Amino acid sequence: MPYSFWLPFLSGEPIVREIVAPDGTPCCVEINAFWDDKPNGDIRVILSIDDGGRDALMPYGHDFILSPDGSFVGE
């Protein structure tokens, strides 16, 4: 997704949504986004997902950093 897509997620509060996986398993997705260093700079995005079972104690997660020009900075 482009840099502009992530800007609304910078509210400071995580976005939490209940979804249903393709196999029918209910899952919880959490998205956190914040300025990595300074406002209007790089955005760090952290995503996590769990199925409410034992995974809730250690959900699958991934993070990345996106620069204002849309380039991928790193993980």
Protein backbone atom coordinates (compact mmCIF):
# COMPACT_ATOMS: atom_id res chain seq x y z
CA MET A 1 0.00 0.00 0.00
CA PRO A 2 1.27 3.53 -0.66
CA TYR A 3 2.52 5.89 2.04
CA SER A 4 -0.76 7.87 1.93
CA PHE A 5 -2.73 4.73 2.83
CA TRP A 6 -1.00 4.51 6.23
CA LEU A 7 -1.43 8.18 7.24
CA PRO A 8 -4.94 7.70 8.78
CA PHE A 9 -3.51 4.92 10.97
CA LEU A 10 -1.24 7.43 12.78
CA SER A 11 -3.97 8.26 15.30
CA GLY A 12 -1.93 6.90 18.21
CA GLU A 13 -4.45 4.18 19.04
CA PRO A 14 -4.13 0.71 17.54
CA ILE A 15 -6.76 -0.33 15.04
CA VAL A 16 -8.26 -3.68 16.07
CA ARG A 17 -10.62 -5.63 13.83
CA GLU A 18 -12.22 -9.04 14.02
CA ILE A 19 -12.03 -10.88 10.69
CA VAL A 20 -12.76 -14.38 9.43
CA ALA A 21 -9.91 -16.27 7.73
CA PRO A 22 -10.60 -18.10 4.46
CA ASP A 23 -10.91 -21.38 6.40
CA GLY A 24 -13.64 -19.86 8.61
CA THR A 25 -11.45 -19.27 11.67
CA PRO A 26 -12.26 -16.00 13.48
CA CYS A 27 -9.14 -13.88 13.95
CA CYS A 28 -8.15 -10.59 15.56
CA VAL A 29 -5.98 -8.20 13.54
CA GLU A 30 -4.19 -5.25 15.15
CA ILE A 31 -2.48 -2.45 13.22
CA ASN A 32 -0.21 0.10 14.84
CA ALA A 33 1.40 2.89 12.84
CA PHE A 34 3.59 5.72 14.06
CA TRP A 35 6.28 8.10 12.91
CA ASP A 36 9.54 6.19 13.00
CA ASP A 37 11.74 9.20 13.73
CA LYS A 38 9.97 12.52 13.16
CA PRO A 39 6.56 13.74 11.94
CA ASN A 40 6.09 13.61 8.16
CA GLY A 41 9.04 11.26 7.89
CA ASP A 42 9.20 7.49 7.75
CA ILE A 43 6.22 5.50 9.02
CA ARG A 44 6.69 2.30 11.00
CA VAL A 45 3.78 -0.13 10.68
CA ILE A 46 3.31 -3.09 13.04
CA LEU A 47 0.74 -5.76 12.22
CA SER A 48 -0.28 -8.71 14.37
CA ILE A 49 -2.91 -11.43 14.03
CA ASP A 50 -4.14 -14.22 16.28
CA ASP A 51 -6.99 -16.69 16.34
CA GLY A 52 -7.93 -16.10 19.98
CA GLY A 53 -6.51 -19.44 21.10
CA ARG A 54 -2.98 -20.03 22.28
CA ASP A 55 -1.83 -17.70 19.50
CA ALA A 56 -3.26 -14.79 21.48
CA LEU A 57 -0.35 -15.14 23.91
CA MET A 58 2.18 -14.86 21.08
CA PRO A 59 0.45 -13.58 17.93
CA TYR A 60 2.03 -13.67 14.50
CA GLY A 61 3.48 -10.26 13.78
CA HIS A 62 5.32 -8.30 11.14
CA ASP A 63 6.60 -4.76 10.89
CA PHE A 64 8.08 -2.55 8.22
CA ILE A 65 9.14 1.04 7.60
CA LEU A 66 7.94 3.10 4.64
CA SER A 67 9.49 6.41 3.55
CA PRO A 68 7.48 9.44 2.33
CA ASP A 69 8.54 8.69 -1.27
CA GLY A 70 6.88 5.28 -0.91
CA SER A 71 10.06 3.25 -0.82
CA PHE A 72 10.48 0.34 1.55
CA VAL A 73 13.08 1.26 4.18
CA GLY A 74 13.31 -2.00 6.12
CA GLU A 75 11.92 -4.28 8.75
